[in-house]
């Protein structure tokens, strides 16, 4: 077992892989070797083709920023970080172990009408918290929306579906900083094209509106199948970013109005 502060980590198996590293299922033990539970650990281990474009040190700096930014986001709809070690050869952080992700749920047809409404509001709440901190996510897609079951009533132990925004590997702080030029260069060669705004794909330009474009694509994937919601989606996906919603708050308001009109 590996030691991390006052805890011990027992890796179990890999459950995901990306350009910057992999995610593994693990068990966490306290200092007395008592089991705390099962968690997920994201480990820095970039693919060789990425290292042809950017140095490992630059990528490692980005990974450390991912830890910092995600740890600074306090929202029910953002995956929390519990432990991290950024001083080892392969830095890592420990987070909640998800039951699934939105991509798999949509493929399996698991979402009923009320689940879809809960899901998109969870996503909007999470991204709203990201933007309120002055950050841009820049890689919003169904694979990066994780599903959990959380206790909503302590007395009855009733659980409810909860989706959380994850994967802050391409996050950008909109406030100027020394790393912005190098790290933005990394960001422009990454991302998922089907969910990227036109200006992001063509010019590497990111903004609140580029995240809103990605959300529009996700809402379309979820499939509400009604005219009012389609109007909201269309505005999210406008080619000219200035014509999209000004904020996630505005988008959330309009979307929930559309859903209420449909329900009525």
C-alpha atoms as a PDB file:
ATOM      1  CA  UNK A   1       0.000   0.000   0.000  1.00  0.00           C
ATOM      2  CA  UNK A   2       1.056   3.582  -0.659  1.00  0.00           C
ATOM      3  CA  UNK A   3       1.100   6.254   2.029  1.00  0.00           C
ATOM      4  CA  UNK A   4      -0.516   9.661   1.538  1.00  0.00           C
ATOM      5  CA  UNK A   5      -0.355  11.853   4.632  1.00  0.00           C
ATOM      6  CA  UNK A   6      -2.143   9.964   7.411  1.00  0.00           C
ATOM      7  CA  UNK A   7      -3.793   7.567   4.967  1.00  0.00           C
ATOM      8  CA  UNK A   8      -2.901   4.462   2.989  1.00  0.00           C
ATOM      9  CA  UNK A   9      -3.928   3.759  -0.598  1.00  0.00           C
ATOM     10  CA  UNK A  10      -4.529   0.314  -2.086  1.00  0.00           C
ATOM     11  CA  UNK A  11      -4.903   0.488  -5.904  1.00  0.00           C
ATOM     12  CA  UNK A  12      -7.461  -1.989  -7.292  1.00  0.00           C
ATOM     13  CA  UNK A  13      -7.955  -1.579 -11.052  1.00  0.00           C
ATOM     14  CA  UNK A  14      -7.922   1.016 -13.827  1.00  0.00           C
ATOM     15  CA  UNK A  15     -11.380   2.334 -14.707  1.00  0.00           C
ATOM     16  CA  UNK A  16     -10.551   5.085 -17.199  1.00  0.00           C
ATOM     17  CA  UNK A  17      -7.809   6.584 -19.333  1.00  0.00           C
ATOM     18  CA  UNK A  18      -7.214   9.963 -20.959  1.00  0.00           C
ATOM     19  CA  UNK A  19      -4.495  11.939 -22.709  1.00  0.00           C
ATOM     20  CA  UNK A  20      -2.997  13.205 -19.438  1.00  0.00           C
ATOM     21  CA  UNK A  21      -3.263  10.064 -17.311  1.00  0.00           C
ATOM     22  CA  UNK A  22      -5.582   7.392 -15.986  1.00  0.00           C
ATOM     23  CA  UNK A  23      -8.189   6.858 -13.275  1.00  0.00           C
ATOM     24  CA  UNK A  24      -8.144   3.830 -11.004  1.00  0.00           C
ATOM     25  CA  UNK A  25     -10.448   2.396  -8.379  1.00  0.00           C
ATOM     26  CA  UNK A  26      -8.787   2.199  -4.959  1.00  0.00           C
ATOM     27  CA  UNK A  27      -9.368   1.536  -1.279  1.00  0.00           C
ATOM     28  CA  UNK A  28      -8.485   4.139   1.332  1.00  0.00           C
ATOM     29  CA  UNK A  29      -7.371   3.204   4.855  1.00  0.00           C
ATOM     30  CA  UNK A  30      -6.741   5.439   7.859  1.00  0.00           C
ATOM     31  CA  UNK A  31      -3.546   5.456   9.955  1.00  0.00           C
ATOM     32  CA  UNK A  32      -4.803   2.400  11.889  1.00  0.00           C
ATOM     33  CA  UNK A  33      -5.294   0.521   8.601  1.00  0.00           C
ATOM     34  CA  UNK A  34      -9.085   0.600   9.000  1.00  0.00           C
ATOM     35  CA  UNK A  35     -10.954   0.768   5.697  1.00  0.00           C
ATOM     36  CA  UNK A  36     -12.456   4.211   4.974  1.00  0.00           C
ATOM     37  CA  UNK A  37     -14.089   3.172   1.707  1.00  0.00           C
ATOM     38  CA  UNK A  38     -13.565   2.879  -2.030  1.00  0.00           C
ATOM     39  CA  UNK A  39     -12.597   5.946  -4.048  1.00  0.00           C
ATOM     40  CA  UNK A  40     -11.221   6.924  -7.448  1.00  0.00           C
ATOM     41  CA  UNK A  41      -7.684   8.181  -8.005  1.00  0.00           C
ATOM     42  CA  UNK A  42      -6.588  10.215 -11.017  1.00  0.00           C
ATOM     43  CA  UNK A  43      -2.893   9.724 -11.788  1.00  0.00           C
ATOM     44  CA  UNK A  44      -0.713  11.940 -13.995  1.00  0.00           C
ATOM     45  CA  UNK A  45       0.739   9.793 -16.797  1.00  0.00           C
ATOM     46  CA  UNK A  46       0.620  11.605 -20.189  1.00  0.00           C
ATOM     47  CA  UNK A  47       0.544   9.719 -23.484  1.00  0.00           C
ATOM     48  CA  UNK A  48       3.702   9.820 -25.662  1.00  0.00           C
ATOM     49  CA  UNK A  49       2.043  11.751 -28.511  1.00  0.00           C
ATOM     50  CA  UNK A  50       1.091  14.543 -26.097  1.00  0.00           C
ATOM     51  CA  UNK A  51       4.721  14.787 -24.959  1.00  0.00           C
ATOM     52  CA  UNK A  52       5.721  15.437 -28.581  1.00  0.00           C
ATOM     53  CA  UNK A  53       3.785  18.734 -28.423  1.00  0.00           C
ATOM     54  CA  UNK A  54       4.402  19.866 -24.847  1.00  0.00           C
ATOM     55  CA  UNK A  55       7.082  19.078 -22.255  1.00  0.00           C
ATOM     56  CA  UNK A  56       6.265  16.827 -19.319  1.00  0.00           C
ATOM     57  CA  UNK A  57       7.029  19.632 -16.859  1.00  0.00           C
ATOM     58  CA  UNK A  58       4.502  21.919 -18.516  1.00  0.00           C
ATOM     59  CA  UNK A  59       1.868  19.167 -18.430  1.00  0.00           C
ATOM     60  CA  UNK A  60       2.689  18.443 -14.812  1.00  0.00           C
ATOM     61  CA  UNK A  61       2.202  22.103 -13.995  1.00  0.00           C
ATOM     62  CA  UNK A  62      -1.206  21.956 -15.663  1.00  0.00           C
ATOM     63  CA  UNK A  63      -2.123  18.839 -13.655  1.00  0.00           C
ATOM     64  CA  UNK A  64      -1.186  20.620 -10.429  1.00  0.00           C
ATOM     65  CA  UNK A  65      -3.410  23.508 -11.474  1.00  0.00           C
ATOM     66  CA  UNK A  66      -6.233  21.043 -12.115  1.00  0.00           C
ATOM     67  CA  UNK A  67      -5.883  19.853  -8.514  1.00  0.00           C
ATOM     68  CA  UNK A  68      -5.809  23.421  -7.188  1.00  0.00           C
ATOM     69  CA  UNK A  69      -8.820  24.613  -9.169  1.00  0.00           C
ATOM     70  CA  UNK A  70     -10.997  21.564  -8.559  1.00  0.00           C
ATOM     71  CA  UNK A  71     -10.165  21.595  -4.836  1.00  0.00           C
ATOM     72  CA  UNK A  72     -11.222  25.270  -4.687  1.00  0.00           C
ATOM     73  CA  UNK A  73     -14.670  24.604  -6.155  1.00  0.00           C
ATOM     74  CA  UNK A  74     -17.295  23.975  -3.503  1.00  0.00           C
ATOM     75  CA  UNK A  75     -20.524  22.802  -5.080  1.00  0.00           C
ATOM     76  CA  UNK A  76     -22.751  19.774  -4.664  1.00  0.00           C
ATOM     77  CA  UNK A  77     -22.468  19.329  -8.427  1.00  0.00           C
ATOM     78  CA  UNK A  78     -18.677  19.278  -8.736  1.00  0.00           C
ATOM     79  CA  UNK A  79     -16.679  16.145  -7.937  1.00  0.00           C
ATOM     80  CA  UNK A  80     -14.768  16.880  -4.693  1.00  0.00           C
ATOM     81  CA  UNK A  81     -11.071  16.156  -4.093  1.00  0.00           C
ATOM     82  CA  UNK A  82     -10.256  14.520  -0.746  1.00  0.00           C
ATOM     83  CA  UNK A  83      -6.500  13.875  -0.924  1.00  0.00           C
ATOM     84  CA  UNK A  84      -3.646  14.660  -3.287  1.00  0.00           C
ATOM     85  CA  UNK A  85       0.117  14.393  -3.637  1.00  0.00           C
ATOM     86  CA  UNK A  86       1.752  16.666  -6.215  1.00  0.00           C
ATOM     87  CA  UNK A  87       5.352  16.044  -5.111  1.00  0.00           C
ATOM     88  CA  UNK A  88       5.734  12.487  -6.428  1.00  0.00           C
ATOM     89  CA  UNK A  89       6.895  11.446  -9.922  1.00  0.00           C
ATOM     90  CA  UNK A  90       3.305  10.757 -10.939  1.00  0.00           C
ATOM     91  CA  UNK A  91       1.146  13.301  -9.077  1.00  0.00           C
ATOM     92  CA  UNK A  92      -2.395  12.198  -8.238  1.00  0.00           C
ATOM     93  CA  UNK A  93      -5.569  13.136  -6.443  1.00  0.00           C
ATOM     94  CA  UNK A  94      -8.306  11.113  -4.753  1.00  0.00           C
ATOM     95  CA  UNK A  95     -11.980  11.812  -5.417  1.00  0.00           C
ATOM     96  CA  UNK A  96     -15.408  10.229  -4.994  1.00  0.00           C
ATOM     97  CA  UNK A  97     -15.966   6.969  -6.876  1.00  0.00           C
ATOM     98  CA  UNK A  98     -18.800   7.436  -9.377  1.00  0.00           C
ATOM     99  CA  UNK A  99     -21.456   4.849 -10.212  1.00  0.00           C
ATOM    100  CA  UNK A 100     -21.441   5.828 -13.879  1.00  0.00           C
ATOM    101  CA  UNK A 101     -21.379   8.755 -16.286  1.00  0.00           C
ATOM    102  CA  UNK A 102     -23.906  10.574 -18.439  1.00  0.00           C
ATOM    103  CA  UNK A 103     -22.504   9.178 -21.684  1.00  0.00           C
ATOM    104  CA  UNK A 104     -23.111   5.571 -20.576  1.00  0.00           C
ATOM    105  CA  UNK A 105     -26.517   6.454 -19.097  1.00  0.00           C
ATOM    106  CA  UNK A 106     -27.690   8.017 -22.364  1.00  0.00           C
ATOM    107  CA  UNK A 107     -26.396   5.086 -24.393  1.00  0.00           C
ATOM    108  CA  UNK A 108     -28.277   2.660 -22.121  1.00  0.00           C
ATOM    109  CA  UNK A 109     -31.448   4.801 -22.151  1.00  0.00           C
ATOM    110  CA  UNK A 110     -31.540   4.977 -18.353  1.00  0.00           C
ATOM    111  CA  UNK A 111     -32.974   8.482 -17.948  1.00  0.00           C
ATOM    112  CA  UNK A 112     -36.708   9.093 -17.509  1.00  0.00           C
ATOM    113  CA  UNK A 113     -38.205  12.574 -18.023  1.00  0.00           C
ATOM    114  CA  UNK A 114     -37.715  13.679 -14.392  1.00  0.00           C
ATOM    115  CA  UNK A 115     -34.154  12.292 -14.395  1.00  0.00           C
ATOM    116  CA  UNK A 116     -33.329  14.376 -17.463  1.00  0.00           C
ATOM    117  CA  UNK A 117     -34.546  17.560 -15.774  1.00  0.00           C
ATOM    118  CA  UNK A 118     -32.561  16.752 -12.608  1.00  0.00           C
ATOM    119  CA  UNK A 119     -29.482  15.897 -14.675  1.00  0.00           C
ATOM    120  CA  UNK A 120     -29.349  19.094 -16.720  1.00  0.00           C
ATOM    121  CA  UNK A 121     -29.995  21.273 -13.659  1.00  0.00           C
ATOM    122  CA  UNK A 122     -27.165  19.485 -11.834  1.00  0.00           C
ATOM    123  CA  UNK A 123     -24.859  20.215 -14.776  1.00  0.00           C
ATOM    124  CA  UNK A 124     -25.929  23.863 -14.942  1.00  0.00           C
ATOM    125  CA  UNK A 125     -25.411  24.304 -11.189  1.00  0.00           C
ATOM    126  CA  UNK A 126     -21.932  22.802 -11.434  1.00  0.00           C
ATOM    127  CA  UNK A 127     -20.826  24.921 -14.400  1.00  0.00           C
ATOM    128  CA  UNK A 128     -22.363  28.010 -12.790  1.00  0.00           C
ATOM    129  CA  UNK A 129     -20.069  27.442  -9.781  1.00  0.00           C
ATOM    130  CA  UNK A 130     -17.070  27.076 -12.121  1.00  0.00           C
ATOM    131  CA  UNK A 131     -17.832  30.387 -13.839  1.00  0.00           C
ATOM    132  CA  UNK A 132     -18.493  32.183 -10.544  1.00  0.00           C
ATOM    133  CA  UNK A 133     -14.881  31.386  -9.579  1.00  0.00           C
ATOM    134  CA  UNK A 134     -13.655  32.996 -12.800  1.00  0.00           C
ATOM    135  CA  UNK A 135     -12.813  29.651 -14.442  1.00  0.00           C
ATOM    136  CA  UNK A 136     -13.732  28.121 -17.801  1.00  0.00           C
ATOM    137  CA  UNK A 137     -14.114  24.340 -17.972  1.00  0.00           C
ATOM    138  CA  UNK A 138     -13.368  23.982 -21.727  1.00  0.00           C
ATOM    139  CA  UNK A 139     -14.079  20.243 -21.929  1.00  0.00           C
ATOM    140  CA  UNK A 140     -17.750  19.780 -21.079  1.00  0.00           C
ATOM    141  CA  UNK A 141     -19.151  16.551 -22.539  1.00  0.00           C
ATOM    142  CA  UNK A 142     -21.282  13.607 -21.296  1.00  0.00           C
ATOM    143  CA  UNK A 143     -18.191  11.520 -20.402  1.00  0.00           C
ATOM    144  CA  UNK A 144     -17.121  14.241 -17.946  1.00  0.00           C
ATOM    145  CA  UNK A 145     -20.469  14.313 -16.136  1.00  0.00           C
ATOM    146  CA  UNK A 146     -20.372  11.631 -13.416  1.00  0.00           C
ATOM    147  CA  UNK A 147     -23.361   9.998 -11.718  1.00  0.00           C
ATOM    148  CA  UNK A 148     -23.712   9.387  -7.970  1.00  0.00           C
ATOM    149  CA  UNK A 149     -26.475   8.333  -5.589  1.00  0.00           C
ATOM    150  CA  UNK A 150     -26.572  10.637  -2.583  1.00  0.00           C
ATOM    151  CA  UNK A 151     -28.599  10.533   0.621  1.00  0.00           C
ATOM    152  CA  UNK A 152     -31.215  13.303   0.481  1.00  0.00           C
ATOM    153  CA  UNK A 153     -32.993  12.403   3.756  1.00  0.00           C
ATOM    154  CA  UNK A 154     -30.849  11.362   6.734  1.00  0.00           C
ATOM    155  CA  UNK A 155     -33.858   9.953   8.591  1.00  0.00           C
ATOM    156  CA  UNK A 156     -35.171   7.624   5.896  1.00  0.00           C
ATOM    157  CA  UNK A 157     -31.775   7.278   4.170  1.00  0.00           C
ATOM    158  CA  UNK A 158     -33.539   7.997   0.876  1.00  0.00           C
ATOM    159  CA  UNK A 159     -31.104   8.389  -2.017  1.00  0.00           C
ATOM    160  CA  UNK A 160     -31.413  10.574  -5.085  1.00  0.00           C
ATOM    161  CA  UNK A 161     -29.656  10.746  -8.411  1.00  0.00           C
ATOM    162  CA  UNK A 162     -26.921  13.395  -8.540  1.00  0.00           C
ATOM    163  CA  UNK A 163     -24.729  14.359 -11.489  1.00  0.00           C
ATOM    164  CA  UNK A 164     -21.428  16.163 -10.947  1.00  0.00           C
ATOM    165  CA  UNK A 165     -19.038  17.969 -13.285  1.00  0.00           C
ATOM    166  CA  UNK A 166     -15.574  16.385 -13.399  1.00  0.00           C
ATOM    167  CA  UNK A 167     -12.286  16.455 -15.340  1.00  0.00           C
ATOM    168  CA  UNK A 168     -10.759  19.895 -14.958  1.00  0.00           C
ATOM    169  CA  UNK A 169      -7.694  19.029 -17.048  1.00  0.00           C
ATOM    170  CA  UNK A 170      -8.352  21.859 -19.507  1.00  0.00           C
ATOM    171  CA  UNK A 171      -9.648  24.396 -16.991  1.00  0.00           C
ATOM    172  CA  UNK A 172      -8.609  28.003 -17.542  1.00  0.00           C
ATOM    173  CA  UNK A 173      -8.534  30.813 -15.035  1.00  0.00           C
ATOM    174  CA  UNK A 174      -9.750  33.955 -16.806  1.00  0.00           C
ATOM    175  CA  UNK A 175      -7.665  36.116 -14.463  1.00  0.00           C
ATOM    176  CA  UNK A 176      -4.190  36.859 -15.931  1.00  0.00           C
ATOM    177  CA  UNK A 177      -1.331  34.705 -14.611  1.00  0.00           C
ATOM    178  CA  UNK A 178       2.220  33.762 -15.559  1.00  0.00           C
ATOM    179  CA  UNK A 179       1.269  30.346 -16.936  1.00  0.00           C
ATOM    180  CA  UNK A 180      -1.545  31.465 -19.224  1.00  0.00           C
ATOM    181  CA  UNK A 181       0.366  31.479 -22.543  1.00  0.00           C
ATOM    182  CA  UNK A 182       1.944  28.038 -22.251  1.00  0.00           C
ATOM    183  CA  UNK A 183      -1.086  26.395 -20.681  1.00  0.00           C
ATOM    184  CA  UNK A 184      -3.515  27.904 -23.172  1.00  0.00           C
ATOM    185  CA  UNK A 185      -1.359  26.462 -25.942  1.00  0.00           C
ATOM    186  CA  UNK A 186      -1.862  23.024 -24.377  1.00  0.00           C
ATOM    187  CA  UNK A 187      -5.604  23.608 -24.190  1.00  0.00           C
ATOM    188  CA  UNK A 188      -5.985  24.591 -27.841  1.00  0.00           C
ATOM    189  CA  UNK A 189      -4.728  21.213 -29.058  1.00  0.00           C
ATOM    190  CA  UNK A 190      -7.089  19.297 -26.764  1.00  0.00           C
ATOM    191  CA  UNK A 191     -10.821  19.020 -26.193  1.00  0.00           C
ATOM    192  CA  UNK A 192     -13.659  17.040 -27.775  1.00  0.00           C
ATOM    193  CA  UNK A 193     -14.554  18.477 -31.171  1.00  0.00           C
ATOM    194  CA  UNK A 194     -18.245  17.441 -31.226  1.00  0.00           C
ATOM    195  CA  UNK A 195     -18.765  19.594 -28.100  1.00  0.00           C
ATOM    196  CA  UNK A 196     -16.394  22.460 -28.945  1.00  0.00           C
ATOM    197  CA  UNK A 197     -17.714  25.855 -30.012  1.00  0.00           C
ATOM    198  CA  UNK A 198     -16.733  26.963 -33.556  1.00  0.00           C
ATOM    199  CA  UNK A 199     -14.469  29.760 -32.258  1.00  0.00           C
ATOM    200  CA  UNK A 200     -12.682  27.262 -29.987  1.00  0.00           C
ATOM    201  CA  UNK A 201     -12.103  24.830 -32.856  1.00  0.00           C
ATOM    202  CA  UNK A 202     -11.010  27.448 -35.368  1.00  0.00           C
ATOM    203  CA  UNK A 203      -9.143  30.017 -33.287  1.00  0.00           C
ATOM    204  CA  UNK A 204      -8.616  28.502 -29.826  1.00  0.00           C
ATOM    205  CA  UNK A 205     -10.896  31.178 -28.337  1.00  0.00           C
ATOM    206  CA  UNK A 206     -12.667  30.213 -25.109  1.00  0.00           C
ATOM    207  CA  UNK A 207     -15.242  32.078 -23.059  1.00  0.00           C
ATOM    208  CA  UNK A 208     -18.335  31.536 -20.936  1.00  0.00           C
ATOM    209  CA  UNK A 209     -20.188  31.291 -24.251  1.00  0.00           C
ATOM    210  CA  UNK A 210     -17.970  28.449 -25.487  1.00  0.00           C
ATOM    211  CA  UNK A 211     -18.868  26.473 -22.342  1.00  0.00           C
ATOM    212  CA  UNK A 212     -22.538  27.342 -22.985  1.00  0.00           C
ATOM    213  CA  UNK A 213     -22.184  25.963 -26.528  1.00  0.00           C
ATOM    214  CA  UNK A 214     -20.949  22.669 -25.041  1.00  0.00           C
ATOM    215  CA  UNK A 215     -23.895  22.611 -22.627  1.00  0.00           C
ATOM    216  CA  UNK A 216     -26.257  23.103 -25.578  1.00  0.00           C
ATOM    217  CA  UNK A 217     -24.773  20.009 -27.224  1.00  0.00           C
ATOM    218  CA  UNK A 218     -25.246  18.043 -23.987  1.00  0.00           C
ATOM    219  CA  UNK A 219     -28.899  19.157 -23.663  1.00  0.00           C
ATOM    220  CA  UNK A 220     -29.419  18.016 -27.265  1.00  0.00           C
ATOM    221  CA  UNK A 221     -27.896  14.618 -26.419  1.00  0.00           C
ATOM    222  CA  UNK A 222     -30.175  14.247 -23.386  1.00  0.00           C
ATOM    223  CA  UNK A 223     -33.140  14.724 -25.722  1.00  0.00           C
ATOM    224  CA  UNK A 224     -36.087  16.560 -24.191  1.00  0.00           C
ATOM    225  CA  UNK A 225     -38.016  16.350 -27.457  1.00  0.00           C
ATOM    226  CA  UNK A 226     -40.115  19.514 -27.236  1.00  0.00           C
ATOM    227  CA  UNK A 227     -40.253  22.771 -29.150  1.00  0.00           C
ATOM    228  CA  UNK A 228     -39.532  25.182 -26.286  1.00  0.00           C
ATOM    229  CA  UNK A 229     -36.390  23.347 -25.209  1.00  0.00           C
ATOM    230  CA  UNK A 230     -35.268  23.168 -28.853  1.00  0.00           C
ATOM    231  CA  UNK A 231     -35.375  26.984 -28.955  1.00  0.00           C
ATOM    232  CA  UNK A 232     -33.080  27.125 -25.910  1.00  0.00           C
ATOM    233  CA  UNK A 233     -30.700  24.622 -27.508  1.00  0.00           C
ATOM    234  CA  UNK A 234     -30.657  26.609 -30.759  1.00  0.00           C
ATOM    235  CA  UNK A 235     -29.594  29.763 -28.933  1.00  0.00           C
ATOM    236  CA  UNK A 236     -26.804  27.883 -27.126  1.00  0.00           C
ATOM    237  CA  UNK A 237     -25.508  26.649 -30.484  1.00  0.00           C
ATOM    238  CA  UNK A 238     -25.538  29.916 -32.436  1.00  0.00           C
ATOM    239  CA  UNK A 239     -22.381  30.431 -34.504  1.00  0.00           C
ATOM    240  CA  UNK A 240     -21.898  33.975 -33.217  1.00  0.00           C
ATOM    241  CA  UNK A 241     -20.965  33.676 -29.551  1.00  0.00           C
ATOM    242  CA  UNK A 242     -22.323  37.126 -28.644  1.00  0.00           C
ATOM    243  CA  UNK A 243     -25.810  35.883 -29.543  1.00  0.00           C
ATOM    244  CA  UNK A 244     -25.688  32.960 -27.110  1.00  0.00           C
ATOM    245  CA  UNK A 245     -26.771  33.288 -23.468  1.00  0.00           C
ATOM    246  CA  UNK A 246     -24.670  35.751 -21.472  1.00  0.00           C
ATOM    247  CA  UNK A 247     -24.376  33.387 -18.519  1.00  0.00           C
ATOM    248  CA  UNK A 248     -25.284  29.917 -17.302  1.00  0.00           C
ATOM    249  CA  UNK A 249     -27.684  31.614 -14.882  1.00  0.00           C
ATOM    250  CA  UNK A 250     -29.606  33.115 -17.833  1.00  0.00           C
ATOM    251  CA  UNK A 251     -29.560  29.761 -19.631  1.00  0.00           C
ATOM    252  CA  UNK A 252     -30.852  27.942 -16.548  1.00  0.00           C
ATOM    253  CA  UNK A 253     -33.705  30.418 -16.159  1.00  0.00           C
ATOM    254  CA  UNK A 254     -34.791  30.101 -19.795  1.00  0.00           C
ATOM    255  CA  UNK A 255     -34.465  26.318 -19.850  1.00  0.00           C
ATOM    256  CA  UNK A 256     -36.568  25.827 -16.726  1.00  0.00           C
ATOM    257  CA  UNK A 257     -39.199  28.213 -18.119  1.00  0.00           C
ATOM    258  CA  UNK A 258     -39.281  26.084 -21.272  1.00  0.00           C
ATOM    259  CA  UNK A 259     -39.636  22.892 -19.229  1.00  0.00           C
ATOM    260  CA  UNK A 260     -42.475  24.409 -17.167  1.00  0.00           C
ATOM    261  CA  UNK A 261     -44.324  25.514 -20.310  1.00  0.00           C
ATOM    262  CA  UNK A 262     -44.052  22.019 -21.716  1.00  0.00           C
ATOM    263  CA  UNK A 263     -45.250  20.416 -18.466  1.00  0.00           C
ATOM    264  CA  UNK A 264     -48.270  22.749 -18.403  1.00  0.00           C
END
